[in-house]
Amino acid sequence: GGQVYIANLTWWTTDLEVESVCTSFGPVNGLQFVEDRATGRSRGAVLVEFTDPEAAARCKEQLSG
């Protein structure tokens, strides 16, 4: 598969919101939010793992910027 790092999200962004956007590029294996250790809140970044490397490439290309 392939992985995509997505940043500049609000801390209250949910896994369902990220997954609904990312699955438009292809099947998603999983998500891992980067959390602030002190508060346990999201730092506004997530690592998305795709089943297909081409889906990851499409995601990177279209969500860039």
N, C-alpha and C. Protein backbone atom coordinates (compact mmCIF):
# COMPACT_ATOMS: atom_id res chain seq x y z
N GLY A 1 0.82 -1.19 0.00
CA GLY A 1 0.00 0.00 0.00
C GLY A 1 0.86 1.25 0.00
N GLY A 2 0.27 2.32 0.42
CA GLY A 2 0.97 3.59 0.51
C GLY A 2 0.43 4.42 1.65
N GLN A 3 1.26 5.33 2.14
CA GLN A 3 0.86 6.17 3.25
C GLN A 3 0.90 7.64 2.84
N VAL A 4 -0.02 8.41 3.42
CA VAL A 4 -0.09 9.84 3.17
C VAL A 4 -0.20 10.55 4.52
N TYR A 5 0.64 11.55 4.71
CA TYR A 5 0.60 12.39 5.91
C TYR A 5 -0.22 13.63 5.57
N ILE A 6 -1.29 13.85 6.32
CA ILE A 6 -2.16 15.01 6.08
C ILE A 6 -2.08 15.90 7.32
N ALA A 7 -1.78 17.18 7.09
CA ALA A 7 -1.63 18.13 8.20
C ALA A 7 -2.58 19.31 8.01
N ASN A 8 -2.50 20.25 8.92
CA ASN A 8 -3.30 21.47 8.93
C ASN A 8 -4.79 21.20 9.11
N LEU A 9 -5.09 20.16 9.88
CA LEU A 9 -6.48 19.86 10.23
C LEU A 9 -6.80 20.54 11.56
N THR A 10 -8.06 20.79 11.83
CA THR A 10 -8.45 21.29 13.15
C THR A 10 -8.34 20.13 14.13
N TRP A 11 -8.12 20.42 15.40
CA TRP A 11 -7.93 19.35 16.38
C TRP A 11 -9.18 18.52 16.57
N TRP A 12 -10.34 19.06 16.21
CA TRP A 12 -11.60 18.32 16.40
C TRP A 12 -12.01 17.51 15.17
N THR A 13 -11.17 17.45 14.15
CA THR A 13 -11.46 16.63 12.97
C THR A 13 -11.55 15.17 13.39
N THR A 14 -12.57 14.46 12.94
CA THR A 14 -12.77 13.07 13.35
C THR A 14 -12.20 12.10 12.32
N ASP A 15 -12.00 10.87 12.76
CA ASP A 15 -11.53 9.84 11.86
C ASP A 15 -12.54 9.58 10.74
N LEU A 16 -13.83 9.69 11.04
CA LEU A 16 -14.85 9.48 10.01
C LEU A 16 -14.77 10.55 8.92
N GLU A 17 -14.49 11.78 9.31
CA GLU A 17 -14.36 12.86 8.32
C GLU A 17 -13.16 12.63 7.41
N VAL A 18 -12.04 12.26 8.00
CA VAL A 18 -10.83 12.01 7.20
C VAL A 18 -11.05 10.80 6.30
N GLU A 19 -11.61 9.75 6.85
CA GLU A 19 -11.83 8.54 6.07
C GLU A 19 -12.80 8.77 4.91
N SER A 20 -13.85 9.57 5.14
CA SER A 20 -14.81 9.81 4.06
C SER A 20 -14.16 10.56 2.90
N VAL A 21 -13.25 11.46 3.17
CA VAL A 21 -12.54 12.17 2.09
C VAL A 21 -11.54 11.23 1.41
N CYS A 22 -10.79 10.50 2.20
CA CYS A 22 -9.72 9.66 1.66
C CYS A 22 -10.22 8.45 0.88
N THR A 23 -11.36 7.89 1.27
CA THR A 23 -11.87 6.73 0.55
C THR A 23 -12.32 7.08 -0.86
N SER A 24 -12.48 8.37 -1.16
CA SER A 24 -12.80 8.76 -2.53
C SER A 24 -11.61 8.51 -3.47
N PHE A 25 -10.41 8.34 -2.90
CA PHE A 25 -9.22 8.04 -3.69
C PHE A 25 -8.94 6.54 -3.79
N GLY A 26 -9.49 5.77 -2.85
CA GLY A 26 -9.30 4.33 -2.84
C GLY A 26 -9.48 3.78 -1.43
N PRO A 27 -9.42 2.44 -1.29
CA PRO A 27 -9.62 1.81 0.02
C PRO A 27 -8.54 2.22 1.04
N VAL A 28 -9.00 2.49 2.26
CA VAL A 28 -8.12 2.91 3.35
C VAL A 28 -7.97 1.75 4.33
N ASN A 29 -6.72 1.43 4.68
CA ASN A 29 -6.45 0.37 5.68
C ASN A 29 -6.59 0.89 7.10
N GLY A 30 -6.20 2.15 7.32
CA GLY A 30 -6.28 2.69 8.67
C GLY A 30 -5.81 4.13 8.75
N LEU A 31 -6.09 4.73 9.90
CA LEU A 31 -5.71 6.11 10.18
C LEU A 31 -5.01 6.16 11.52
N GLN A 32 -4.03 7.06 11.62
CA GLN A 32 -3.36 7.26 12.90
C GLN A 32 -3.16 8.75 13.12
N PHE A 33 -3.93 9.32 14.05
CA PHE A 33 -3.81 10.74 14.36
C PHE A 33 -2.57 10.99 15.20
N VAL A 34 -1.93 12.13 14.98
CA VAL A 34 -0.79 12.56 15.79
C VAL A 34 -1.39 13.35 16.95
N GLU A 35 -1.14 12.88 18.17
CA GLU A 35 -1.75 13.50 19.34
C GLU A 35 -0.74 14.27 20.17
N ASP A 36 -1.24 15.30 20.83
CA ASP A 36 -0.44 16.05 21.79
C ASP A 36 -0.38 15.22 23.07
N ARG A 37 0.79 14.93 23.53
CA ARG A 37 0.93 14.06 24.72
C ARG A 37 0.33 14.67 25.97
N ALA A 38 0.43 15.98 26.12
CA ALA A 38 -0.06 16.64 27.33
C ALA A 38 -1.59 16.65 27.40
N THR A 39 -2.24 16.90 26.28
CA THR A 39 -3.70 17.05 26.30
C THR A 39 -4.45 15.84 25.74
N GLY A 40 -3.77 15.02 24.93
CA GLY A 40 -4.43 13.89 24.29
C GLY A 40 -5.23 14.28 23.06
N ARG A 41 -5.22 15.57 22.74
CA ARG A 41 -5.93 16.06 21.55
C ARG A 41 -5.09 15.87 20.31
N SER A 42 -5.78 15.85 19.19
CA SER A 42 -5.09 15.76 17.91
C SER A 42 -4.25 17.02 17.69
N ARG A 43 -3.09 16.84 17.07
CA ARG A 43 -2.25 17.98 16.71
C ARG A 43 -2.60 18.50 15.32
N GLY A 44 -3.68 18.01 14.75
CA GLY A 44 -4.11 18.47 13.44
C GLY A 44 -3.41 17.77 12.30
N ALA A 45 -2.95 16.55 12.57
CA ALA A 45 -2.27 15.77 11.53
C ALA A 45 -2.67 14.31 11.67
N VAL A 46 -2.67 13.61 10.53
CA VAL A 46 -3.05 12.20 10.52
C VAL A 46 -2.23 11.47 9.45
N LEU A 47 -1.89 10.25 9.73
CA LEU A 47 -1.22 9.37 8.77
C LEU A 47 -2.27 8.39 8.26
N VAL A 48 -2.50 8.42 6.95
CA VAL A 48 -3.52 7.57 6.33
C VAL A 48 -2.82 6.47 5.54
N GLU A 49 -3.19 5.22 5.80
CA GLU A 49 -2.61 4.10 5.07
C GLU A 49 -3.63 3.56 4.07
N PHE A 50 -3.22 3.59 2.81
CA PHE A 50 -4.06 3.10 1.73
C PHE A 50 -3.67 1.68 1.35
N THR A 51 -4.63 0.91 0.84
CA THR A 51 -4.38 -0.43 0.34
C THR A 51 -3.56 -0.38 -0.94
N ASP A 52 -3.86 0.59 -1.78
CA ASP A 52 -3.27 0.71 -3.11
C ASP A 52 -2.32 1.91 -3.17
N PRO A 53 -1.07 1.72 -3.59
CA PRO A 53 -0.13 2.84 -3.69
C PRO A 53 -0.60 3.92 -4.67
N GLU A 54 -1.34 3.53 -5.69
CA GLU A 54 -1.86 4.51 -6.65
C GLU A 54 -2.91 5.42 -5.99
N ALA A 55 -3.71 4.87 -5.08
CA ALA A 55 -4.70 5.67 -4.36
C ALA A 55 -3.98 6.69 -3.48
N ALA A 56 -2.89 6.27 -2.83
CA ALA A 56 -2.09 7.18 -2.02
C ALA A 56 -1.52 8.31 -2.87
N ALA A 57 -1.03 7.98 -4.05
CA ALA A 57 -0.47 8.99 -4.96
C ALA A 57 -1.55 9.98 -5.39
N ARG A 58 -2.75 9.48 -5.70
CA ARG A 58 -3.85 10.37 -6.09
C ARG A 58 -4.23 11.31 -4.94
N CYS A 59 -4.26 10.78 -3.74
CA CYS A 59 -4.59 11.56 -2.56
C CYS A 59 -3.55 12.67 -2.37
N LYS A 60 -2.28 12.32 -2.43
CA LYS A 60 -1.21 13.31 -2.28
C LYS A 60 -1.32 14.40 -3.32
N GLU A 61 -1.57 14.01 -4.54
CA GLU A 61 -1.65 14.97 -5.63
C GLU A 61 -2.83 15.93 -5.49
N GLN A 62 -3.99 15.39 -5.15
CA GLN A 62 -5.19 16.22 -5.11
C GLN A 62 -5.36 17.02 -3.82
N LEU A 63 -4.79 16.54 -2.71
CA LEU A 63 -4.92 17.27 -1.45
C LEU A 63 -3.72 18.16 -1.16
N SER A 64 -2.73 18.14 -2.02
CA SER A 64 -1.54 18.95 -1.82
C SER A 64 -1.89 20.43 -1.81
N GLY A 65 -1.37 21.14 -0.82
CA GLY A 65 -1.60 22.59 -0.74
C GLY A 65 -2.76 22.86 0.10
